[in-house]
Amino acid sequence: MGSMFERPLVELVEEYNPQAHPIVGPLLAGGPAALVERYDLPHEETYVDACHLCYEARVMLRQRFPKWLTPDQMYGEGLD
């Protein structure tokens, strides 16, 4: 949605369009597999579960969408 440090929450909520979001849109349309397909990501044949696939896909997309795939701690970075 964005940062409440940059814009008021009421604006973020009013202007949020999940279908147009580069990460949320594909997830809503078809889950993690749709995210992999949309961005033509390399992937394994099997995963432990859908959460595992989603996490791996988001890790691969972090450089492309740094504004949306944060905070770093969610991906094991910046913990020291």
N, C-alpha and C. Protein backbone atom coordinates (compact mmCIF):
# COMPACT_ATOMS: atom_id res chain seq x y z
N MET A 1 0.82 -1.20 0.00
CA MET A 1 0.00 0.00 0.00
C MET A 1 0.86 1.25 0.00
N GLY A 2 1.92 1.23 0.75
CA GLY A 2 2.76 2.39 0.87
C GLY A 2 3.18 2.59 2.30
N SER A 3 3.80 3.71 2.56
CA SER A 3 4.34 4.00 3.88
C SER A 3 3.54 5.09 4.59
N MET A 4 3.15 4.79 5.82
CA MET A 4 2.45 5.80 6.63
C MET A 4 3.41 6.89 7.08
N PHE A 5 4.71 6.68 6.90
CA PHE A 5 5.68 7.73 7.20
C PHE A 5 5.71 8.76 6.07
N GLU A 6 5.20 8.37 4.90
CA GLU A 6 5.22 9.27 3.75
C GLU A 6 3.85 9.87 3.44
N ARG A 7 2.77 9.10 3.72
CA ARG A 7 1.41 9.57 3.41
C ARG A 7 0.46 9.11 4.50
N PRO A 8 -0.61 9.85 4.74
CA PRO A 8 -1.59 9.43 5.75
C PRO A 8 -2.25 8.10 5.38
N LEU A 9 -2.57 7.30 6.40
CA LEU A 9 -3.19 6.00 6.19
C LEU A 9 -4.48 6.12 5.40
N VAL A 10 -5.26 7.14 5.67
CA VAL A 10 -6.54 7.30 4.96
C VAL A 10 -6.32 7.44 3.45
N GLU A 11 -5.27 8.12 3.04
CA GLU A 11 -4.95 8.25 1.61
C GLU A 11 -4.49 6.92 1.03
N LEU A 12 -3.65 6.22 1.78
CA LEU A 12 -3.17 4.92 1.31
C LEU A 12 -4.33 3.97 1.05
N VAL A 13 -5.28 3.92 1.98
CA VAL A 13 -6.42 3.02 1.85
C VAL A 13 -7.33 3.44 0.71
N GLU A 14 -7.60 4.73 0.60
CA GLU A 14 -8.49 5.23 -0.46
C GLU A 14 -7.95 4.95 -1.85
N GLU A 15 -6.64 5.05 -2.02
CA GLU A 15 -6.04 4.94 -3.34
C GLU A 15 -5.53 3.53 -3.67
N TYR A 16 -5.64 2.61 -2.73
CA TYR A 16 -5.09 1.27 -2.94
C TYR A 16 -5.96 0.47 -3.90
N ASN A 17 -5.32 -0.08 -4.92
CA ASN A 17 -5.99 -0.94 -5.90
C ASN A 17 -5.20 -2.25 -5.96
N PRO A 18 -5.61 -3.26 -5.18
CA PRO A 18 -4.81 -4.48 -5.11
C PRO A 18 -4.61 -5.18 -6.45
N GLN A 19 -5.60 -5.13 -7.34
CA GLN A 19 -5.45 -5.79 -8.64
C GLN A 19 -4.35 -5.15 -9.49
N ALA A 20 -4.08 -3.88 -9.29
CA ALA A 20 -3.06 -3.19 -10.06
C ALA A 20 -1.67 -3.29 -9.43
N HIS A 21 -1.59 -3.80 -8.21
CA HIS A 21 -0.32 -3.90 -7.50
C HIS A 21 0.55 -4.98 -8.16
N PRO A 22 1.86 -4.71 -8.36
CA PRO A 22 2.70 -5.66 -9.09
C PRO A 22 2.91 -7.00 -8.37
N ILE A 23 2.72 -7.06 -7.07
CA ILE A 23 2.88 -8.30 -6.33
C ILE A 23 1.51 -8.86 -5.92
N VAL A 24 0.69 -8.04 -5.31
CA VAL A 24 -0.61 -8.49 -4.81
C VAL A 24 -1.53 -8.89 -5.97
N GLY A 25 -1.50 -8.17 -7.07
CA GLY A 25 -2.38 -8.46 -8.20
C GLY A 25 -2.25 -9.90 -8.67
N PRO A 26 -1.04 -10.35 -9.02
CA PRO A 26 -0.90 -11.74 -9.45
C PRO A 26 -1.27 -12.75 -8.36
N LEU A 27 -0.93 -12.43 -7.11
CA LEU A 27 -1.27 -13.35 -6.02
C LEU A 27 -2.79 -13.51 -5.90
N LEU A 28 -3.51 -12.42 -6.03
CA LEU A 28 -4.97 -12.49 -5.97
C LEU A 28 -5.55 -13.25 -7.16
N ALA A 29 -4.91 -13.08 -8.31
CA ALA A 29 -5.43 -13.71 -9.53
C ALA A 29 -5.19 -15.22 -9.58
N GLY A 30 -4.11 -15.69 -8.94
CA GLY A 30 -3.83 -17.11 -9.07
C GLY A 30 -2.81 -17.66 -8.08
N GLY A 31 -2.58 -16.93 -7.00
CA GLY A 31 -1.65 -17.41 -5.99
C GLY A 31 -0.21 -17.30 -6.43
N PRO A 32 0.69 -17.93 -5.68
CA PRO A 32 2.12 -17.83 -5.98
C PRO A 32 2.49 -18.30 -7.39
N ALA A 33 1.78 -19.29 -7.91
CA ALA A 33 2.08 -19.76 -9.27
C ALA A 33 1.86 -18.64 -10.29
N ALA A 34 0.86 -17.81 -10.08
CA ALA A 34 0.60 -16.69 -10.99
C ALA A 34 1.72 -15.65 -10.91
N LEU A 35 2.28 -15.48 -9.72
CA LEU A 35 3.40 -14.56 -9.56
C LEU A 35 4.61 -15.07 -10.35
N VAL A 36 4.88 -16.36 -10.27
CA VAL A 36 5.98 -16.98 -11.02
C VAL A 36 5.74 -16.85 -12.52
N GLU A 37 4.53 -17.11 -12.96
CA GLU A 37 4.21 -17.02 -14.39
C GLU A 37 4.30 -15.58 -14.89
N ARG A 38 3.74 -14.64 -14.14
CA ARG A 38 3.72 -13.23 -14.57
C ARG A 38 5.10 -12.70 -14.85
N TYR A 39 6.07 -13.07 -14.00
CA TYR A 39 7.42 -12.54 -14.13
C TYR A 39 8.41 -13.57 -14.68
N ASP A 40 7.89 -14.69 -15.18
CA ASP A 40 8.71 -15.73 -15.80
C ASP A 40 9.91 -16.09 -14.93
N LEU A 41 9.64 -16.41 -13.67
CA LEU A 41 10.69 -16.72 -12.71
C LEU A 41 11.11 -18.18 -12.82
N PRO A 42 12.39 -18.45 -12.64
CA PRO A 42 12.81 -19.85 -12.58
C PRO A 42 12.22 -20.47 -11.32
N HIS A 43 11.91 -21.76 -11.38
CA HIS A 43 11.30 -22.40 -10.21
C HIS A 43 11.57 -23.89 -10.20
N GLU A 44 11.40 -24.48 -9.03
CA GLU A 44 11.56 -25.92 -8.85
C GLU A 44 10.28 -26.63 -9.30
N GLU A 45 10.34 -27.93 -9.37
CA GLU A 45 9.16 -28.72 -9.71
C GLU A 45 8.19 -28.81 -8.54
N THR A 46 8.72 -28.88 -7.33
CA THR A 46 7.87 -29.00 -6.14
C THR A 46 8.38 -28.08 -5.03
N TYR A 47 7.47 -27.73 -4.13
CA TYR A 47 7.78 -26.92 -2.96
C TYR A 47 7.08 -27.53 -1.77
N VAL A 48 7.52 -27.20 -0.58
CA VAL A 48 6.91 -27.72 0.64
C VAL A 48 5.43 -27.35 0.67
N ASP A 49 5.14 -26.09 0.32
CA ASP A 49 3.75 -25.61 0.27
C ASP A 49 3.72 -24.32 -0.53
N ALA A 50 2.55 -23.74 -0.67
CA ALA A 50 2.39 -22.50 -1.46
C ALA A 50 3.17 -21.35 -0.83
N CYS A 51 3.27 -21.34 0.50
CA CYS A 51 4.02 -20.27 1.18
C CYS A 51 5.49 -20.31 0.80
N HIS A 52 6.03 -21.50 0.67
CA HIS A 52 7.43 -21.67 0.27
C HIS A 52 7.66 -21.11 -1.13
N LEU A 53 6.79 -21.44 -2.07
CA LEU A 53 6.89 -20.91 -3.43
C LEU A 53 6.76 -19.39 -3.43
N CYS A 54 5.81 -18.86 -2.68
CA CYS A 54 5.60 -17.43 -2.62
C CYS A 54 6.83 -16.71 -2.09
N TYR A 55 7.41 -17.24 -1.01
CA TYR A 55 8.60 -16.64 -0.43
C TYR A 55 9.74 -16.64 -1.44
N GLU A 56 10.00 -17.78 -2.07
CA GLU A 56 11.09 -17.87 -3.04
C GLU A 56 10.87 -16.91 -4.21
N ALA A 57 9.65 -16.79 -4.68
CA ALA A 57 9.34 -15.87 -5.78
C ALA A 57 9.60 -14.42 -5.35
N ARG A 58 9.16 -14.08 -4.14
CA ARG A 58 9.35 -12.71 -3.66
C ARG A 58 10.83 -12.39 -3.47
N VAL A 59 11.61 -13.35 -3.02
CA VAL A 59 13.06 -13.13 -2.89
C VAL A 59 13.65 -12.79 -4.25
N MET A 60 13.25 -13.53 -5.27
CA MET A 60 13.77 -13.27 -6.62
C MET A 60 13.33 -11.91 -7.16
N LEU A 61 12.21 -11.41 -6.69
CA LEU A 61 11.67 -10.13 -7.19
C LEU A 61 12.07 -8.92 -6.36
N ARG A 62 12.79 -9.12 -5.26
CA ARG A 62 13.10 -8.00 -4.38
C ARG A 62 13.87 -6.87 -5.06
N GLN A 63 14.84 -7.20 -5.89
CA GLN A 63 15.60 -6.14 -6.57
C GLN A 63 14.72 -5.38 -7.57
N ARG A 64 13.79 -6.07 -8.15
CA ARG A 64 12.90 -5.44 -9.13
C ARG A 64 11.84 -4.56 -8.46
N PHE A 65 11.38 -4.97 -7.26
CA PHE A 65 10.33 -4.24 -6.56
C PHE A 65 10.73 -3.91 -5.12
N PRO A 66 11.83 -3.19 -4.92
CA PRO A 66 12.29 -2.92 -3.55
C PRO A 66 11.31 -2.09 -2.73
N LYS A 67 10.51 -1.30 -3.39
CA LYS A 67 9.52 -0.47 -2.67
C LYS A 67 8.45 -1.33 -2.02
N TRP A 68 8.11 -2.45 -2.64
CA TRP A 68 7.01 -3.27 -2.17
C TRP A 68 7.45 -4.47 -1.33
N LEU A 69 8.61 -5.01 -1.61
CA LEU A 69 9.03 -6.23 -0.91
C LEU A 69 10.00 -5.89 0.22
N THR A 70 9.44 -5.36 1.26
CA THR A 70 10.17 -4.93 2.44
C THR A 70 9.39 -5.36 3.68
N PRO A 71 9.92 -5.27 4.85
CA PRO A 71 11.26 -4.83 5.23
C PRO A 71 12.30 -5.92 5.02
N ASP A 72 13.56 -5.51 5.02
CA ASP A 72 14.66 -6.45 4.81
C ASP A 72 14.64 -7.60 5.81
N GLN A 73 14.21 -7.34 7.03
CA GLN A 73 14.20 -8.38 8.07
C GLN A 73 13.32 -9.56 7.69
N MET A 74 12.31 -9.33 6.88
CA MET A 74 11.43 -10.42 6.44
C MET A 74 12.17 -11.42 5.55
N TYR A 75 13.31 -10.99 5.03
CA TYR A 75 14.09 -11.81 4.12
C TYR A 75 15.46 -12.15 4.70
N GLY A 76 15.58 -12.03 6.02
CA GLY A 76 16.81 -12.41 6.71
C GLY A 76 17.96 -11.44 6.54
N GLU A 77 17.67 -10.22 6.14
CA GLU A 77 18.72 -9.20 5.96
C GLU A 77 18.57 -8.11 7.01
N GLY A 78 19.68 -7.46 7.32
CA GLY A 78 19.65 -6.34 8.26
C GLY A 78 19.36 -6.75 9.68
N LEU A 79 19.68 -7.98 10.05
CA LEU A 79 19.38 -8.46 11.40
C LEU A 79 20.51 -8.21 12.38
N ASP A 80 21.66 -7.80 11.89
CA ASP A 80 22.78 -7.59 12.82
C ASP A 80 22.90 -6.18 13.28
